[in-house]
Amino acid sequence: MMCQLFPYAEPVTRWLEPEQQRAWRAYVRMQGELNAHLNRQMSVDSEISMADFAVLVQLTDTPDGRVRVLELARFLHWEKSRISHHVARMEKRGLVRRENCSSDGRGSFVVLTDQGRSAIEAAAPAHAETVRALVFDQLTDAEVESLREISEKIFTRLATGECAAVIARCDADDPMEVVPEESGRSEA
């Protein structure tokens, strides 16, 4: 099923104005280059990838270092197969472990290990310096505030109203809670 933002609207193309097109293309170029550089730098500076870092950040942001697989996948905007395979790779490296959910036999948690905590603590200082050097050292305080405001405005648009309804409909078509244990052992 294909999700559409406004499925009942008459199809009218609202083309971008020239200045909007330049801004959009600059954003897309910048985002691609920034993500590529952050990925390369993370692999040079640490033994984890940016995808590992994203998972570990979510786990360290919770008081008990554990998140349900579905919640983690939704926050990272990853599909079922991606979260399943990535968590399995991280588990093999000792960065996380999976625990069955006692209240729901189908669900499971991704849990931060001591090794995972050490990995993110080792990677975070160099990552923060890279972000500072690539982004914030170039910007004035007013530009940082504008960047925050613009980002929050777009995020709010994406997370509420019709956009949120589209996401909910798409999620309902692709349930992603069950992540099978590959090791065959129970980890409680």
Protein backbone atom coordinates (compact mmCIF):
# COMPACT_ATOMS: atom_id res chain seq x y z
CA MET A 1 0.00 0.00 0.00
CA MET A 2 1.35 3.39 -0.92
CA CYS A 3 0.87 6.12 1.67
CA GLN A 4 0.04 9.59 0.41
CA LEU A 5 -0.02 12.78 2.40
CA PHE A 6 -3.23 14.12 0.86
CA PRO A 7 -4.96 11.18 -0.90
CA TYR A 8 -8.23 13.02 -1.57
CA ALA A 9 -6.84 16.31 -2.86
CA GLU A 10 -7.03 17.23 -6.50
CA PRO A 11 -3.60 16.65 -8.06
CA VAL A 12 -2.16 20.14 -8.42
CA THR A 13 1.59 20.42 -8.65
CA ARG A 14 2.96 23.27 -6.59
CA TRP A 15 6.44 23.59 -8.05
CA LEU A 16 9.17 25.12 -5.94
CA GLU A 17 10.03 28.74 -6.57
CA PRO A 18 13.63 29.26 -7.80
CA GLU A 19 14.87 30.38 -4.35
CA GLN A 20 13.09 27.44 -2.69
CA GLN A 21 14.66 25.06 -5.24
CA ARG A 22 18.14 26.45 -4.52
CA ALA A 23 17.56 26.15 -0.76
CA TRP A 24 16.20 22.61 -1.09
CA ARG A 25 19.08 21.42 -3.28
CA ALA A 26 21.62 23.03 -0.96
CA TYR A 27 20.00 21.25 2.00
CA VAL A 28 19.98 17.86 0.21
CA ARG A 29 23.65 18.27 -0.83
CA MET A 30 24.67 19.37 2.67
CA GLN A 31 22.76 16.55 4.37
CA GLY A 32 24.33 13.92 2.11
CA GLU A 33 27.85 15.25 2.54
CA LEU A 34 27.46 15.77 6.29
CA ASN A 35 26.10 12.24 6.83
CA ALA A 36 28.86 10.72 4.67
CA HIS A 37 31.55 12.65 6.53
CA LEU A 38 30.12 11.78 9.95
CA ASN A 39 30.01 8.09 8.95
CA ARG A 40 33.62 8.13 7.70
CA GLN A 41 34.88 10.03 10.72
CA MET A 42 33.08 7.74 13.17
CA SER A 43 34.74 4.69 11.58
CA VAL A 44 38.16 6.39 11.77
CA ASP A 45 37.73 7.58 15.36
CA SER A 46 36.07 4.52 16.92
CA GLU A 47 35.20 0.88 16.52
CA ILE A 48 31.50 1.56 15.92
CA SER A 49 29.47 2.85 12.98
CA MET A 50 27.07 5.77 12.95
CA ALA A 51 24.22 3.23 12.92
CA ASP A 52 25.70 1.62 16.06
CA PHE A 53 26.06 5.08 17.58
CA ALA A 54 22.40 5.90 16.84
CA VAL A 55 21.23 2.71 18.57
CA LEU A 56 23.55 3.26 21.55
CA VAL A 57 22.40 6.87 21.95
CA GLN A 58 18.79 5.69 22.23
CA LEU A 59 19.76 3.12 24.84
CA THR A 60 21.85 5.54 26.90
CA ASP A 61 18.98 8.04 26.86
CA THR A 62 16.81 5.62 28.86
CA PRO A 63 17.25 5.20 32.63
CA ASP A 64 17.62 1.41 32.49
CA GLY A 65 19.44 1.19 29.13
CA ARG A 66 16.73 -0.86 27.43
CA VAL A 67 14.18 -0.14 24.73
CA ARG A 68 11.56 -2.30 23.06
CA VAL A 69 12.56 -3.26 19.56
CA LEU A 70 9.46 -1.64 18.03
CA GLU A 71 10.10 1.64 19.82
CA LEU A 72 13.76 1.66 18.75
CA ALA A 73 12.87 0.92 15.12
CA ARG A 74 10.26 3.66 15.05
CA PHE A 75 12.54 6.25 16.61
CA LEU A 76 15.34 5.46 14.16
CA HIS A 77 12.88 5.14 11.23
CA TRP A 78 14.27 1.71 10.42
CA GLU A 79 12.35 -1.19 8.91
CA LYS A 80 11.89 -4.53 10.59
CA SER A 81 14.65 -6.28 8.66
CA ARG A 82 17.17 -3.51 9.21
CA ILE A 83 16.65 -3.28 12.98
CA SER A 84 16.69 -7.07 13.29
CA HIS A 85 19.92 -7.53 11.35
CA HIS A 86 21.66 -4.56 12.89
CA VAL A 87 20.81 -5.55 16.46
CA ALA A 88 22.01 -9.10 15.69
CA ARG A 89 25.38 -7.73 14.48
CA MET A 90 25.70 -5.48 17.53
CA GLU A 91 24.79 -8.41 19.78
CA LYS A 92 27.56 -10.55 18.25
CA ARG A 93 30.04 -7.75 19.02
CA GLY A 94 28.80 -7.54 22.62
CA LEU A 95 27.43 -3.99 22.35
CA VAL A 96 23.83 -4.97 23.15
CA ARG A 97 21.85 -8.02 24.17
CA ARG A 98 18.24 -8.97 23.60
CA GLU A 99 15.81 -9.85 26.35
CA ASN A 100 12.39 -11.35 25.93
CA CYS A 101 9.51 -9.25 27.16
CA SER A 102 7.89 -11.10 30.06
CA SER A 103 4.54 -9.32 29.57
CA ASP A 104 4.44 -10.01 25.81
CA GLY A 105 5.89 -13.28 24.53
CA ARG A 106 6.28 -11.88 21.02
CA GLY A 107 8.19 -8.72 21.89
CA SER A 108 11.73 -8.17 23.01
CA PHE A 109 14.01 -5.50 24.38
CA VAL A 110 17.37 -4.30 23.15
CA VAL A 111 19.56 -3.81 26.21
CA LEU A 112 22.80 -1.83 26.52
CA THR A 113 25.77 -3.87 27.73
CA ASP A 114 28.81 -2.58 29.62
CA GLN A 115 30.81 -3.00 26.41
CA GLY A 116 28.22 -0.95 24.50
CA ARG A 117 28.32 1.79 27.13
CA SER A 118 32.13 1.85 26.92
CA ALA A 119 31.98 2.03 23.12
CA ILE A 120 29.67 5.05 23.04
CA GLU A 121 31.57 6.79 25.83
CA ALA A 122 34.77 6.33 23.81
CA ALA A 123 33.18 7.52 20.54
CA ALA A 124 31.15 10.48 21.83
CA PRO A 125 33.96 13.03 22.44
CA ALA A 126 35.41 12.75 18.91
CA HIS A 127 31.90 12.77 17.41
CA ALA A 128 30.98 15.92 19.33
CA GLU A 129 34.18 17.59 18.14
CA THR A 130 33.44 16.57 14.54
CA VAL A 131 29.90 17.97 14.72
CA ARG A 132 31.21 21.16 16.28
CA ALA A 133 33.91 21.56 13.60
CA LEU A 134 31.65 20.73 10.64
CA VAL A 135 28.52 22.57 11.73
CA PHE A 136 28.60 24.86 14.73
CA ASP A 137 32.02 26.49 14.31
CA GLN A 138 30.68 27.99 11.04
CA LEU A 139 27.51 29.43 12.53
CA THR A 140 26.72 32.50 14.60
CA ASP A 141 24.56 32.15 17.70
CA ALA A 142 21.65 33.59 15.72
CA GLU A 143 22.16 31.03 12.93
CA VAL A 144 22.25 28.20 15.50
CA GLU A 145 18.95 29.47 16.90
CA SER A 146 17.50 29.68 13.35
CA LEU A 147 18.68 26.14 12.61
CA ARG A 148 17.00 24.90 15.80
CA GLU A 149 13.78 26.78 15.05
CA ILE A 150 13.60 25.57 11.45
CA SER A 151 14.38 21.98 12.45
CA GLU A 152 11.75 21.99 15.21
CA LYS A 153 9.15 23.54 12.91
CA ILE A 154 9.68 20.90 10.23
CA PHE A 155 9.84 18.10 12.82
CA THR A 156 6.56 19.27 14.36
CA ARG A 157 4.93 19.26 10.91
CA LEU A 158 6.17 15.72 10.28
CA ALA A 159 5.16 14.41 13.71
CA THR A 160 1.63 15.82 13.94
CA GLY A 161 -1.64 16.01 12.07
CA GLU A 162 -1.96 14.39 8.67
CA CYS A 163 1.76 13.53 8.49
CA ALA A 164 1.50 11.55 11.73
CA ALA A 165 -1.63 9.82 10.45
CA VAL A 166 0.24 8.74 7.31
CA ILE A 167 3.04 7.31 9.44
CA ALA A 168 0.53 5.46 11.62
CA ARG A 169 -1.18 3.97 8.56
CA CYS A 170 2.16 2.88 7.09
CA ASP A 171 3.27 1.39 10.43
CA ALA A 172 0.01 -0.56 10.64
CA ASP A 173 0.85 -2.10 7.25
CA ASP A 174 4.36 -3.10 8.44
CA PRO A 175 4.32 -4.35 12.04
CA MET A 176 7.87 -4.74 13.27
CA GLU A 177 7.82 -5.88 16.89
CA VAL A 178 9.08 -9.46 16.67
CA VAL A 179 12.86 -9.84 16.45
CA PRO A 180 13.81 -13.53 16.57
CA GLU A 181 16.71 -14.62 18.73
CA GLU A 182 19.42 -16.08 16.50
CA SER A 183 21.58 -17.56 19.26
CA GLY A 184 18.88 -19.87 20.57
CA ARG A 185 19.70 -19.03 24.19
CA SER A 186 17.51 -17.16 26.60
CA GLU A 187 18.97 -13.95 27.95
CA ALA A 188 17.18 -12.76 31.02
